[in-house]
C-alpha atoms as a PDB file:
ATOM      1  CA  UNK A   1      65.538  55.253  93.275  1.00  0.00           C
ATOM      2  CA  UNK A   2      69.225  54.769  92.482  1.00  0.00           C
ATOM      3  CA  UNK A   3      69.465  58.402  91.420  1.00  0.00           C
ATOM      4  CA  UNK A   4      67.989  59.562  94.744  1.00  0.00           C
ATOM      5  CA  UNK A   5      70.423  57.417  96.710  1.00  0.00           C
ATOM      6  CA  UNK A   6      73.349  58.769  94.670  1.00  0.00           C
ATOM      7  CA  UNK A   7      72.237  62.371  95.236  1.00  0.00           C
ATOM      8  CA  UNK A   8      71.801  61.774  98.957  1.00  0.00           C
ATOM      9  CA  UNK A   9      75.251  60.177  99.165  1.00  0.00           C
ATOM     10  CA  UNK A  10      76.828  63.133  97.374  1.00  0.00           C
ATOM     11  CA  UNK A  11      75.165  65.678  99.691  1.00  0.00           C
ATOM     12  CA  UNK A  12      76.175  63.638 102.746  1.00  0.00           C
ATOM     13  CA  UNK A  13      79.785  63.459 101.535  1.00  0.00           C
ATOM     14  CA  UNK A  14      79.888  67.240 100.998  1.00  0.00           C
ATOM     15  CA  UNK A  15      78.529  67.857 104.490  1.00  0.00           C
ATOM     16  CA  UNK A  16      81.171  65.569 105.983  1.00  0.00           C
ATOM     17  CA  UNK A  17      83.887  67.513 104.186  1.00  0.00           C
ATOM     18  CA  UNK A  18      82.439  70.836 105.255  1.00  0.00           C
ATOM     19  CA  UNK A  19      82.386  69.940 108.928  1.00  0.00           C
ATOM     20  CA  UNK A  20      85.512  67.808 109.143  1.00  0.00           C
ATOM     21  CA  UNK A  21      87.989  70.096 107.328  1.00  0.00           C
ATOM     22  CA  UNK A  22      87.999  72.872 109.946  1.00  0.00           C
ATOM     23  CA  UNK A  23      88.732  70.328 112.654  1.00  0.00           C
ATOM     24  CA  UNK A  24      91.561  68.879 110.609  1.00  0.00           C
ATOM     25  CA  UNK A  25      92.885  72.350 109.816  1.00  0.00           C
ATOM     26  CA  UNK A  26      92.837  73.286 113.492  1.00  0.00           C
ATOM     27  CA  UNK A  27      94.716  70.114 114.394  1.00  0.00           C
ATOM     28  CA  UNK A  28      97.226  70.700 111.597  1.00  0.00           C
ATOM     29  CA  UNK A  29      97.847  74.247 112.760  1.00  0.00           C
ATOM     30  CA  UNK A  30      98.210  73.270 116.440  1.00  0.00           C
ATOM     31  CA  UNK A  31     100.526  70.319 115.800  1.00  0.00           C
ATOM     32  CA  UNK A  32     102.531  71.330 112.716  1.00  0.00           C
ATOM     33  CA  UNK A  33     102.552  75.061 113.373  1.00  0.00           C
ATOM     34  CA  UNK A  34     101.471  75.985 109.853  1.00  0.00           C
ATOM     35  CA  UNK A  35      98.912  78.534 108.833  1.00  0.00           C
ATOM     36  CA  UNK A  36      95.757  76.986 107.449  1.00  0.00           C
ATOM     37  CA  UNK A  37      93.474  79.991 107.733  1.00  0.00           C
ATOM     38  CA  UNK A  38      91.942  81.397 104.558  1.00  0.00           C
ATOM     39  CA  UNK A  39      93.066  84.950 105.453  1.00  0.00           C
ATOM     40  CA  UNK A  40      96.775  85.507 104.762  1.00  0.00           C
ATOM     41  CA  UNK A  41      98.651  87.846 107.163  1.00  0.00           C
ATOM     42  CA  UNK A  42      98.929  91.353 105.768  1.00  0.00           C
ATOM     43  CA  UNK A  43     101.124  94.428 106.309  1.00  0.00           C
ATOM     44  CA  UNK A  44     100.108  98.094 106.043  1.00  0.00           C
ATOM     45  CA  UNK A  45     100.998 100.219 102.993  1.00  0.00           C
ATOM     46  CA  UNK A  46     104.659 101.235 102.872  1.00  0.00           C
ATOM     47  CA  UNK A  47     106.340 104.553 102.105  1.00  0.00           C
ATOM     48  CA  UNK A  48     108.036 103.209  98.972  1.00  0.00           C
ATOM     49  CA  UNK A  49     106.274 101.744  95.963  1.00  0.00           C
ATOM     50  CA  UNK A  50     106.937  98.382  94.275  1.00  0.00           C
ATOM     51  CA  UNK A  51     109.077  97.951  91.176  1.00  0.00           C
ATOM     52  CA  UNK A  52     107.556  97.878  87.691  1.00  0.00           C
ATOM     53  CA  UNK A  53     108.076  94.096  87.456  1.00  0.00           C
ATOM     54  CA  UNK A  54     106.961  91.997  90.434  1.00  0.00           C
ATOM     55  CA  UNK A  55     108.731  88.874  91.781  1.00  0.00           C
ATOM     56  CA  UNK A  56     105.958  86.566  90.533  1.00  0.00           C
ATOM     57  CA  UNK A  57     106.669  87.613  86.947  1.00  0.00           C
ATOM     58  CA  UNK A  58     108.959  85.498  84.714  1.00  0.00           C
ATOM     59  CA  UNK A  59     110.589  88.825  83.678  1.00  0.00           C
ATOM     60  CA  UNK A  60     111.556  89.809  87.203  1.00  0.00           C
ATOM     61  CA  UNK A  61     115.215  89.373  86.301  1.00  0.00           C
ATOM     62  CA  UNK A  62     114.907  92.604  84.264  1.00  0.00           C
ATOM     63  CA  UNK A  63     114.167  94.486  87.479  1.00  0.00           C
ATOM     64  CA  UNK A  64     117.210  92.929  89.106  1.00  0.00           C
ATOM     65  CA  UNK A  65     119.298  93.834  86.038  1.00  0.00           C
ATOM     66  CA  UNK A  66     118.120  97.454  86.347  1.00  0.00           C
ATOM     67  CA  UNK A  67     119.350  97.445  89.941  1.00  0.00           C
ATOM     68  CA  UNK A  68     122.789  96.216  88.868  1.00  0.00           C
ATOM     69  CA  UNK A  69     123.006  98.957  86.224  1.00  0.00           C
ATOM     70  CA  UNK A  70     122.149 101.638  88.796  1.00  0.00           C
ATOM     71  CA  UNK A  71     124.826 100.300  91.130  1.00  0.00           C
ATOM     72  CA  UNK A  72     127.387 100.193  88.294  1.00  0.00           C
ATOM     73  CA  UNK A  73     127.010 103.939  87.700  1.00  0.00           C
ATOM     74  CA  UNK A  74     127.053 104.762  91.423  1.00  0.00           C
ATOM     75  CA  UNK A  75     130.717 105.585  92.047  1.00  0.00           C
ATOM     76  CA  UNK A  76     130.670 106.285  95.798  1.00  0.00           C
ATOM     77  CA  UNK A  77     129.752 104.051  98.748  1.00  0.00           C
ATOM     78  CA  UNK A  78     127.206 106.675  99.840  1.00  0.00           C
ATOM     79  CA  UNK A  79     125.403 106.485  96.495  1.00  0.00           C
ATOM     80  CA  UNK A  80     125.402 102.697  96.551  1.00  0.00           C
ATOM     81  CA  UNK A  81     124.022 102.704 100.114  1.00  0.00           C
ATOM     82  CA  UNK A  82     121.118 104.925  99.008  1.00  0.00           C
ATOM     83  CA  UNK A  83     120.332 102.612  96.072  1.00  0.00           C
ATOM     84  CA  UNK A  84     120.338  99.490  98.244  1.00  0.00           C
ATOM     85  CA  UNK A  85     118.073 101.181 100.806  1.00  0.00           C
ATOM     86  CA  UNK A  86     115.673 102.184  98.014  1.00  0.00           C
ATOM     87  CA  UNK A  87     115.617  98.660  96.572  1.00  0.00           C
ATOM     88  CA  UNK A  88     114.889  97.263 100.048  1.00  0.00           C
ATOM     89  CA  UNK A  89     111.885  99.605 100.152  1.00  0.00           C
ATOM     90  CA  UNK A  90     110.687  98.305  96.773  1.00  0.00           C
ATOM     91  CA  UNK A  91     110.941  94.716  97.981  1.00  0.00           C
ATOM     92  CA  UNK A  92     108.953  95.522 101.123  1.00  0.00           C
ATOM     93  CA  UNK A  93     106.212  97.148  99.011  1.00  0.00           C
ATOM     94  CA  UNK A  94     106.224  94.083  96.744  1.00  0.00           C
ATOM     95  CA  UNK A  95     105.990  91.822  99.800  1.00  0.00           C
ATOM     96  CA  UNK A  96     102.645  93.406 100.656  1.00  0.00           C
ATOM     97  CA  UNK A  97     101.320  92.514  97.180  1.00  0.00           C
ATOM     98  CA  UNK A  98     102.726  88.988  97.288  1.00  0.00           C
ATOM     99  CA  UNK A  99     101.083  88.399 100.678  1.00  0.00           C
ATOM    100  CA  UNK A 100      97.761  89.425  99.168  1.00  0.00           C
ATOM    101  CA  UNK A 101      98.374  86.991  96.285  1.00  0.00           C
ATOM    102  CA  UNK A 102      99.582  84.357  98.797  1.00  0.00           C
ATOM    103  CA  UNK A 103     102.592  83.467  96.609  1.00  0.00           C
ATOM    104  CA  UNK A 104     105.112  81.643  98.877  1.00  0.00           C
ATOM    105  CA  UNK A 105     108.073  81.774  96.477  1.00  0.00           C
ATOM    106  CA  UNK A 106     107.637  85.488  95.781  1.00  0.00           C
ATOM    107  CA  UNK A 107     107.233  86.155  99.517  1.00  0.00           C
ATOM    108  CA  UNK A 108     110.595  84.475 100.146  1.00  0.00           C
ATOM    109  CA  UNK A 109     112.176  86.508  97.343  1.00  0.00           C
ATOM    110  CA  UNK A 110     110.930  89.793  98.784  1.00  0.00           C
ATOM    111  CA  UNK A 111     111.860  89.018 102.395  1.00  0.00           C
ATOM    112  CA  UNK A 112     115.337  88.018 101.249  1.00  0.00           C
ATOM    113  CA  UNK A 113     115.537  91.156  99.099  1.00  0.00           C
ATOM    114  CA  UNK A 114     114.738  93.397 102.069  1.00  0.00           C
ATOM    115  CA  UNK A 115     117.326  91.854 104.381  1.00  0.00           C
ATOM    116  CA  UNK A 116     120.072  91.454 101.744  1.00  0.00           C
ATOM    117  CA  UNK A 117     119.798  95.013 100.410  1.00  0.00           C
ATOM    118  CA  UNK A 118     119.773  96.528 103.895  1.00  0.00           C
ATOM    119  CA  UNK A 119     122.860  94.468 104.659  1.00  0.00           C
ATOM    120  CA  UNK A 120     124.611  95.838 101.573  1.00  0.00           C
ATOM    121  CA  UNK A 121     123.534  99.369 102.475  1.00  0.00           C
ATOM    122  CA  UNK A 122     125.198  98.864 105.864  1.00  0.00           C
ATOM    123  CA  UNK A 123     128.333  97.527 104.147  1.00  0.00           C
ATOM    124  CA  UNK A 124     128.603 100.661 102.021  1.00  0.00           C
ATOM    125  CA  UNK A 125     128.082 102.973 104.988  1.00  0.00           C
ATOM    126  CA  UNK A 126     130.904 101.209 106.815  1.00  0.00           C
ATOM    127  CA  UNK A 127     133.084 101.515 103.702  1.00  0.00           C
ATOM    128  CA  UNK A 128     132.318 105.249 103.437  1.00  0.00           C
ATOM    129  CA  UNK A 129     133.163 105.765 107.103  1.00  0.00           C
ATOM    130  CA  UNK A 130     136.562 104.122 106.598  1.00  0.00           C
ATOM    131  CA  UNK A 131     137.420 106.823 104.035  1.00  0.00           C
ATOM    132  CA  UNK A 132     137.180 109.433 106.789  1.00  0.00           C
ATOM    133  CA  UNK A 133     134.225 111.300 105.291  1.00  0.00           C
ATOM    134  CA  UNK A 134     131.413 112.594 107.539  1.00  0.00           C
ATOM    135  CA  UNK A 135     128.422 110.349 106.851  1.00  0.00           C
ATOM    136  CA  UNK A 136     126.458 110.873 110.071  1.00  0.00           C
ATOM    137  CA  UNK A 137     123.468 112.378 108.199  1.00  0.00           C
ATOM    138  CA  UNK A 138     123.321 109.481 105.730  1.00  0.00           C
ATOM    139  CA  UNK A 139     123.676 106.947 108.562  1.00  0.00           C
ATOM    140  CA  UNK A 140     120.730 108.555 110.365  1.00  0.00           C
ATOM    141  CA  UNK A 141     118.576 108.436 107.211  1.00  0.00           C
ATOM    142  CA  UNK A 142     119.336 104.748 106.610  1.00  0.00           C
ATOM    143  CA  UNK A 143     118.934 103.913 110.314  1.00  0.00           C
ATOM    144  CA  UNK A 144     115.488 105.565 110.449  1.00  0.00           C
ATOM    145  CA  UNK A 145     114.562 103.730 107.245  1.00  0.00           C
ATOM    146  CA  UNK A 146     115.552 100.403 108.813  1.00  0.00           C
ATOM    147  CA  UNK A 147     113.424 101.141 111.891  1.00  0.00           C
ATOM    148  CA  UNK A 148     110.368 101.751 109.685  1.00  0.00           C
ATOM    149  CA  UNK A 149     110.899  98.425 107.962  1.00  0.00           C
ATOM    150  CA  UNK A 150     111.379  96.656 111.307  1.00  0.00           C
ATOM    151  CA  UNK A 151     108.041  98.049 112.496  1.00  0.00           C
ATOM    152  CA  UNK A 152     106.254  96.745 109.379  1.00  0.00           C
ATOM    153  CA  UNK A 153     107.818  93.297 109.728  1.00  0.00           C
ATOM    154  CA  UNK A 154     106.951  93.257 113.452  1.00  0.00           C
ATOM    155  CA  UNK A 155     103.288  93.388 112.420  1.00  0.00           C
ATOM    156  CA  UNK A 156     103.772  90.535 109.949  1.00  0.00           C
ATOM    157  CA  UNK A 157     105.703  88.477 112.514  1.00  0.00           C
ATOM    158  CA  UNK A 158     102.942  88.874 115.109  1.00  0.00           C
ATOM    159  CA  UNK A 159     100.251  87.745 112.653  1.00  0.00           C
ATOM    160  CA  UNK A 160     102.197  84.826 111.136  1.00  0.00           C
ATOM    161  CA  UNK A 161     102.934  81.267 112.148  1.00  0.00           C
ATOM    162  CA  UNK A 162     104.652  78.219 110.710  1.00  0.00           C
ATOM    163  CA  UNK A 163     107.103  78.650 107.830  1.00  0.00           C
ATOM    164  CA  UNK A 164     106.161  82.282 107.164  1.00  0.00           C
ATOM    165  CA  UNK A 165     106.895  83.273 110.763  1.00  0.00           C
ATOM    166  CA  UNK A 166     110.262  81.491 110.606  1.00  0.00           C
ATOM    167  CA  UNK A 167     111.153  83.417 107.427  1.00  0.00           C
ATOM    168  CA  UNK A 168     110.172  86.745 108.990  1.00  0.00           C
ATOM    169  CA  UNK A 169     112.134  86.022 112.183  1.00  0.00           C
ATOM    170  CA  UNK A 170     115.224  85.147 110.125  1.00  0.00           C
ATOM    171  CA  UNK A 171     114.899  88.357 108.086  1.00  0.00           C
ATOM    172  CA  UNK A 172     114.426  90.401 111.257  1.00  0.00           C
ATOM    173  CA  UNK A 173     117.614  88.957 112.746  1.00  0.00           C
ATOM    174  CA  UNK A 174     119.622  89.875 109.644  1.00  0.00           C
ATOM    175  CA  UNK A 175     118.119  93.373 109.546  1.00  0.00           C
ATOM    176  CA  UNK A 176     119.003  93.963 113.204  1.00  0.00           C
ATOM    177  CA  UNK A 177     122.637  93.063 112.470  1.00  0.00           C
ATOM    178  CA  UNK A 178     122.659  95.576 109.615  1.00  0.00           C
ATOM    179  CA  UNK A 179     121.140  98.251 111.848  1.00  0.00           C
ATOM    180  CA  UNK A 180     123.815  97.752 114.506  1.00  0.00           C
ATOM    181  CA  UNK A 181     126.542  98.307 111.892  1.00  0.00           C
ATOM    182  CA  UNK A 182     124.843 101.483 110.636  1.00  0.00           C
ATOM    183  CA  UNK A 183     124.522 102.782 114.202  1.00  0.00           C
ATOM    184  CA  UNK A 184     128.313 102.875 114.553  1.00  0.00           C
ATOM    185  CA  UNK A 185     128.356 105.795 112.093  1.00  0.00           C
ATOM    186  CA  UNK A 186     125.848 107.895 114.081  1.00  0.00           C
ATOM    187  CA  UNK A 187     126.734 110.729 116.433  1.00  0.00           C
ATOM    188  CA  UNK A 188     127.432 109.812 120.054  1.00  0.00           C
ATOM    189  CA  UNK A 189     124.065 111.040 121.357  1.00  0.00           C
ATOM    190  CA  UNK A 190     122.095 109.286 118.619  1.00  0.00           C
ATOM    191  CA  UNK A 191     124.107 106.085 119.062  1.00  0.00           C
ATOM    192  CA  UNK A 192     123.296 106.013 122.778  1.00  0.00           C
ATOM    193  CA  UNK A 193     119.582 106.457 122.074  1.00  0.00           C
ATOM    194  CA  UNK A 194     119.563 103.753 119.404  1.00  0.00           C
ATOM    195  CA  UNK A 195     121.336 101.235 121.632  1.00  0.00           C
ATOM    196  CA  UNK A 196     118.730 101.840 124.344  1.00  0.00           C
ATOM    197  CA  UNK A 197     115.847 101.586 121.851  1.00  0.00           C
ATOM    198  CA  UNK A 198     117.238  98.352 120.361  1.00  0.00           C
ATOM    199  CA  UNK A 199     117.509  96.762 123.802  1.00  0.00           C
ATOM    200  CA  UNK A 200     114.019  97.883 124.780  1.00  0.00           C
ATOM    201  CA  UNK A 201     112.607  96.478 121.543  1.00  0.00           C
ATOM    202  CA  UNK A 202     114.286  93.109 122.080  1.00  0.00           C
ATOM    203  CA  UNK A 203     113.073  92.897 125.689  1.00  0.00           C
ATOM    204  CA  UNK A 204     109.506  93.765 124.711  1.00  0.00           C
ATOM    205  CA  UNK A 205     109.543  91.155 121.946  1.00  0.00           C
ATOM    206  CA  UNK A 206     110.803  88.490 124.357  1.00  0.00           C
ATOM    207  CA  UNK A 207     108.120  89.353 126.909  1.00  0.00           C
ATOM    208  CA  UNK A 208     105.468  89.168 124.182  1.00  0.00           C
ATOM    209  CA  UNK A 209     106.878  85.870 122.900  1.00  0.00           C
ATOM    210  CA  UNK A 210     106.896  84.409 126.413  1.00  0.00           C
ATOM    211  CA  UNK A 211     103.278  85.428 126.979  1.00  0.00           C
ATOM    212  CA  UNK A 212     102.228  84.037 123.599  1.00  0.00           C
ATOM    213  CA  UNK A 213     104.085  80.755 124.196  1.00  0.00           C
ATOM    214  CA  UNK A 214     102.428  80.392 127.589  1.00  0.00           C
ATOM    215  CA  UNK A 215      99.001  81.013 126.080  1.00  0.00           C
ATOM    216  CA  UNK A 216      99.623  78.496 123.293  1.00  0.00           C
ATOM    217  CA  UNK A 217     100.824  75.920 125.816  1.00  0.00           C
ATOM    218  CA  UNK A 218      97.662  76.463 127.857  1.00  0.00           C
ATOM    219  CA  UNK A 219      95.531  75.979 124.731  1.00  0.00           C
ATOM    220  CA  UNK A 220      97.395  72.750 123.978  1.00  0.00           C
ATOM    221  CA  UNK A 221      96.882  71.523 127.538  1.00  0.00           C
ATOM    222  CA  UNK A 222      93.188  72.360 127.468  1.00  0.00           C
ATOM    223  CA  UNK A 223      92.790  70.546 124.164  1.00  0.00           C
ATOM    224  CA  UNK A 224      94.759  67.586 125.494  1.00  0.00           C
ATOM    225  CA  UNK A 225      92.587  67.524 128.586  1.00  0.00           C
ATOM    226  CA  UNK A 226      89.435  67.508 126.476  1.00  0.00           C
ATOM    227  CA  UNK A 227      90.782  64.668 124.355  1.00  0.00           C
ATOM    228  CA  UNK A 228      91.843  62.786 127.497  1.00  0.00           C
ATOM    229  CA  UNK A 229      88.362  63.187 128.936  1.00  0.00           C
ATOM    230  CA  UNK A 230      86.847  61.788 125.764  1.00  0.00           C
ATOM    231  CA  UNK A 231      89.331  58.921 125.769  1.00  0.00           C
ATOM    232  CA  UNK A 232      88.654  58.232 129.440  1.00  0.00           C
ATOM    233  CA  UNK A 233      84.936  58.160 128.787  1.00  0.00           C
ATOM    234  CA  UNK A 234      85.375  55.683 125.959  1.00  0.00           C
ATOM    235  CA  UNK A 235      87.691  53.483 128.052  1.00  0.00           C
ATOM    236  CA  UNK A 236      85.282  53.444 130.993  1.00  0.00           C
ATOM    237  CA  UNK A 237      82.417  52.678 128.660  1.00  0.00           C
ATOM    238  CA  UNK A 238      84.299  49.698 127.258  1.00  0.00           C
ATOM    239  CA  UNK A 239      85.018  48.415 130.779  1.00  0.00           C
ATOM    240  CA  UNK A 240      81.399  48.827 131.791  1.00  0.00           C
ATOM    241  CA  UNK A 241      80.238  46.978 128.700  1.00  0.00           C
ATOM    242  CA  UNK A 242      82.679  44.162 129.433  1.00  0.00           C
ATOM    243  CA  UNK A 243      81.367  43.971 133.008  1.00  0.00           C
ATOM    244  CA  UNK A 244      77.788  43.786 131.801  1.00  0.00           C
ATOM    245  CA  UNK A 245      78.779  41.050 129.393  1.00  0.00           C
ATOM    246  CA  UNK A 246      80.424  39.103 132.216  1.00  0.00           C
ATOM    247  CA  UNK A 247      77.324  39.476 134.388  1.00  0.00           C
ATOM    248  CA  UNK A 248      75.191  38.346 131.511  1.00  0.00           C
ATOM    249  CA  UNK A 249      77.283  35.211 131.168  1.00  0.00           C
ATOM    250  CA  UNK A 250      77.195  34.732 134.965  1.00  0.00           C
ATOM    251  CA  UNK A 251      80.897  34.142 135.016  1.00  0.00           C
ATOM    252  CA  UNK A 252      81.849  35.110 138.556  1.00  0.00           C
ATOM    253  CA  UNK A 253      85.608  34.963 137.998  1.00  0.00           C
ATOM    254  CA  UNK A 254      85.427  37.069 134.859  1.00  0.00           C
ATOM    255  CA  UNK A 255      83.100  39.481 136.627  1.00  0.00           C
ATOM    256  CA  UNK A 256      85.665  40.077 139.406  1.00  0.00           C
ATOM    257  CA  UNK A 257      88.427  40.594 136.879  1.00  0.00           C
ATOM    258  CA  UNK A 258      86.340  43.125 134.972  1.00  0.00           C
ATOM    259  CA  UNK A 259      85.339  44.919 138.165  1.00  0.00           C
ATOM    260  CA  UNK A 260      88.992  45.232 139.137  1.00  0.00           C
ATOM    261  CA  UNK A 261      89.924  46.473 135.681  1.00  0.00           C
ATOM    262  CA  UNK A 262      87.110  49.008 135.819  1.00  0.00           C
ATOM    263  CA  UNK A 263      88.269  50.268 139.214  1.00  0.00           C
ATOM    264  CA  UNK A 264      91.882  50.538 138.031  1.00  0.00           C
ATOM    265  CA  UNK A 265      90.800  52.365 134.899  1.00  0.00           C
ATOM    266  CA  UNK A 266      88.859  54.915 136.930  1.00  0.00           C
ATOM    267  CA  UNK A 267      91.805  55.501 139.252  1.00  0.00           C
ATOM    268  CA  UNK A 268      94.183  55.879 136.318  1.00  0.00           C
ATOM    269  CA  UNK A 269      91.937  58.371 134.567  1.00  0.00           C
ATOM    270  CA  UNK A 270      91.388  60.354 137.785  1.00  0.00           C
ATOM    271  CA  UNK A 271      95.153  60.515 138.338  1.00  0.00           C
ATOM    272  CA  UNK A 272      95.771  61.563 134.728  1.00  0.00           C
ATOM    273  CA  UNK A 273      93.214  64.365 134.914  1.00  0.00           C
ATOM    274  CA  UNK A 274      94.658  65.503 138.239  1.00  0.00           C
ATOM    275  CA  UNK A 275      98.166  65.777 136.769  1.00  0.00           C
ATOM    276  CA  UNK A 276      96.876  67.599 133.708  1.00  0.00           C
ATOM    277  CA  UNK A 277      95.012  70.067 135.910  1.00  0.00           C
ATOM    278  CA  UNK A 278      98.239  70.808 137.827  1.00  0.00           C
ATOM    279  CA  UNK A 279     100.136  71.415 134.590  1.00  0.00           C
ATOM    280  CA  UNK A 280      97.354  73.674 133.324  1.00  0.00           C
ATOM    281  CA  UNK A 281      97.479  75.646 136.585  1.00  0.00           C
ATOM    282  CA  UNK A 282     101.239  76.067 136.200  1.00  0.00           C
ATOM    283  CA  UNK A 283     100.689  77.355 132.664  1.00  0.00           C
ATOM    284  CA  UNK A 284      98.114  79.860 133.908  1.00  0.00           C
ATOM    285  CA  UNK A 285     100.559  81.053 136.576  1.00  0.00           C
ATOM    286  CA  UNK A 286     103.285  81.390 133.931  1.00  0.00           C
ATOM    287  CA  UNK A 287     100.979  83.560 131.804  1.00  0.00           C
ATOM    288  CA  UNK A 288     100.165  85.745 134.789  1.00  0.00           C
ATOM    289  CA  UNK A 289     103.858  86.165 135.657  1.00  0.00           C
ATOM    290  CA  UNK A 290     104.695  87.061 132.050  1.00  0.00           C
ATOM    291  CA  UNK A 291     101.933  89.667 132.014  1.00  0.00           C
ATOM    292  CA  UNK A 292     103.065  91.083 135.367  1.00  0.00           C
ATOM    293  CA  UNK A 293     106.641  91.262 134.067  1.00  0.00           C
ATOM    294  CA  UNK A 294     105.446  93.164 130.994  1.00  0.00           C
ATOM    295  CA  UNK A 295     103.559  95.668 133.199  1.00  0.00           C
ATOM    296  CA  UNK A 296     106.579  96.168 135.497  1.00  0.00           C
ATOM    297  CA  UNK A 297     108.843  96.633 132.488  1.00  0.00           C
ATOM    298  CA  UNK A 298     106.524  99.269 131.028  1.00  0.00           C
ATOM    299  CA  UNK A 299     106.333 101.134 134.358  1.00  0.00           C
ATOM    300  CA  UNK A 300     110.132 101.125 134.585  1.00  0.00           C
ATOM    301  CA  UNK A 301     110.341 102.479 131.037  1.00  0.00           C
ATOM    302  CA  UNK A 302     107.862 105.249 131.855  1.00  0.00           C
ATOM    303  CA  UNK A 303     109.852 106.196 134.958  1.00  0.00           C
ATOM    304  CA  UNK A 304     113.091 106.239 132.932  1.00  0.00           C
ATOM    305  CA  UNK A 305     111.548 108.473 130.281  1.00  0.00           C
ATOM    306  CA  UNK A 306     110.275 110.912 132.933  1.00  0.00           C
ATOM    307  CA  UNK A 307     113.760 111.154 134.457  1.00  0.00           C
ATOM    308  CA  UNK A 308     115.350 111.663 131.022  1.00  0.00           C
ATOM    309  CA  UNK A 309     112.874 114.454 130.209  1.00  0.00           C
ATOM    310  CA  UNK A 310     113.655 116.408 133.411  1.00  0.00           C
ATOM    311  CA  UNK A 311     115.889 119.454 132.683  1.00  0.00           C
ATOM    312  CA  UNK A 312     119.386 119.507 134.153  1.00  0.00           C
ATOM    313  CA  UNK A 313     119.974 122.542 136.457  1.00  0.00           C
ATOM    314  CA  UNK A 314     116.377 123.694 136.083  1.00  0.00           C
ATOM    315  CA  UNK A 315     114.253 126.241 137.899  1.00  0.00           C
ATOM    316  CA  UNK A 316     114.017 124.209 141.098  1.00  0.00           C
ATOM    317  CA  UNK A 317     117.692 124.782 141.961  1.00  0.00           C
ATOM    318  CA  UNK A 318     117.522 128.435 141.073  1.00  0.00           C
ATOM    319  CA  UNK A 319     114.461 129.049 143.186  1.00  0.00           C
ATOM    320  CA  UNK A 320     116.118 127.254 146.114  1.00  0.00           C
ATOM    321  CA  UNK A 321     119.183 129.470 145.861  1.00  0.00           C
ATOM    322  CA  UNK A 322     117.014 132.587 145.806  1.00  0.00           C
ATOM    323  CA  UNK A 323     115.216 131.502 148.965  1.00  0.00           C
ATOM    324  CA  UNK A 324     118.530 130.995 150.739  1.00  0.00           C
ATOM    325  CA  UNK A 325     119.731 134.490 149.784  1.00  0.00           C
ATOM    326  CA  UNK A 326     116.521 136.102 150.944  1.00  0.00           C
ATOM    327  CA  UNK A 327     116.827 134.325 154.255  1.00  0.00           C
ATOM    328  CA  UNK A 328     120.376 135.598 154.691  1.00  0.00           C
ATOM    329  CA  UNK A 329     119.330 139.155 153.932  1.00  0.00           C
ATOM    330  CA  UNK A 330     116.559 138.933 156.483  1.00  0.00           C
ATOM    331  CA  UNK A 331     118.997 137.801 159.178  1.00  0.00           C
ATOM    332  CA  UNK A 332     121.316 140.713 158.386  1.00  0.00           C
ATOM    333  CA  UNK A 333     118.462 143.145 158.666  1.00  0.00           C
ATOM    334  CA  UNK A 334     117.360 141.676 161.956  1.00  0.00           C
ATOM    335  CA  UNK A 335     120.924 141.745 163.170  1.00  0.00           C
ATOM    336  CA  UNK A 336     121.202 145.406 162.315  1.00  0.00           C
ATOM    337  CA  UNK A 337     118.026 146.180 164.220  1.00  0.00           C
ATOM    338  CA  UNK A 338     119.328 144.266 167.210  1.00  0.00           C
ATOM    339  CA  UNK A 339     122.558 146.214 167.275  1.00  0.00           C
END
């Protein structure tokens, strides 16, 4: 008998854990902003491959030593810039593996390695430019490489939350600063295009962030409203029970007090739910405005691209000029006939 009770208690305890942990995890994620899901955010395969020794190895310092040796024998800023860009690619490839392993310390190491090495690559490009040498081709290669890494980290940033998202955002900010410095060594036409692309990317990210924040706020409000409804139900139930108890005791004075408290409680809960509904409506309107702004921005971008793709001094002007000449010739002919 004791054994059966113990077994039943164990099964009951396991069921409680199974059903209560997701609720706790959801609350932890909503309130603390940390990722509690079993699936870790991932990034797609990268162009470069990882180093021979990964950041989660106790011998990782050998890989870093190899990098220092390569830089020691690189005698020009251009060569050093290429090495730093390559190492940044290795760290990004390693980041993908560390995300799969869900190793927080190694993830930090790789994110820092990407941003730091791209920053040093930018430093060396600036140093090479100061020597007066033409490095426009190298600047374009490094700039395109940075854009590829930004795109990969954009995916990770969109899928992350909590501490990981903060780390990715910080790395993205540093990488953007490095990209701006590299852009100064591009040709004038390429520099103009990159400035426009950088601004467009930042605007799109802000629109997406605003929409996501509005959606999260609406989720919080809906959850708060559900909890408030539960709390209101419990409070009203307690008041009703107290009223029944007063009636049972036939205490007229206590009954009136409880009736008044019950009425006040209902009014308070009605007012609270009304205010929460207004806030939720404002959140829904904010989401709609953010989405409309994103659509308008995209339409403006499409219109701008169409204008930029139109040829300057194209066939339309030429055909117009031809029509004018033909018309003039016709008038001369008619004039001759008239004379």
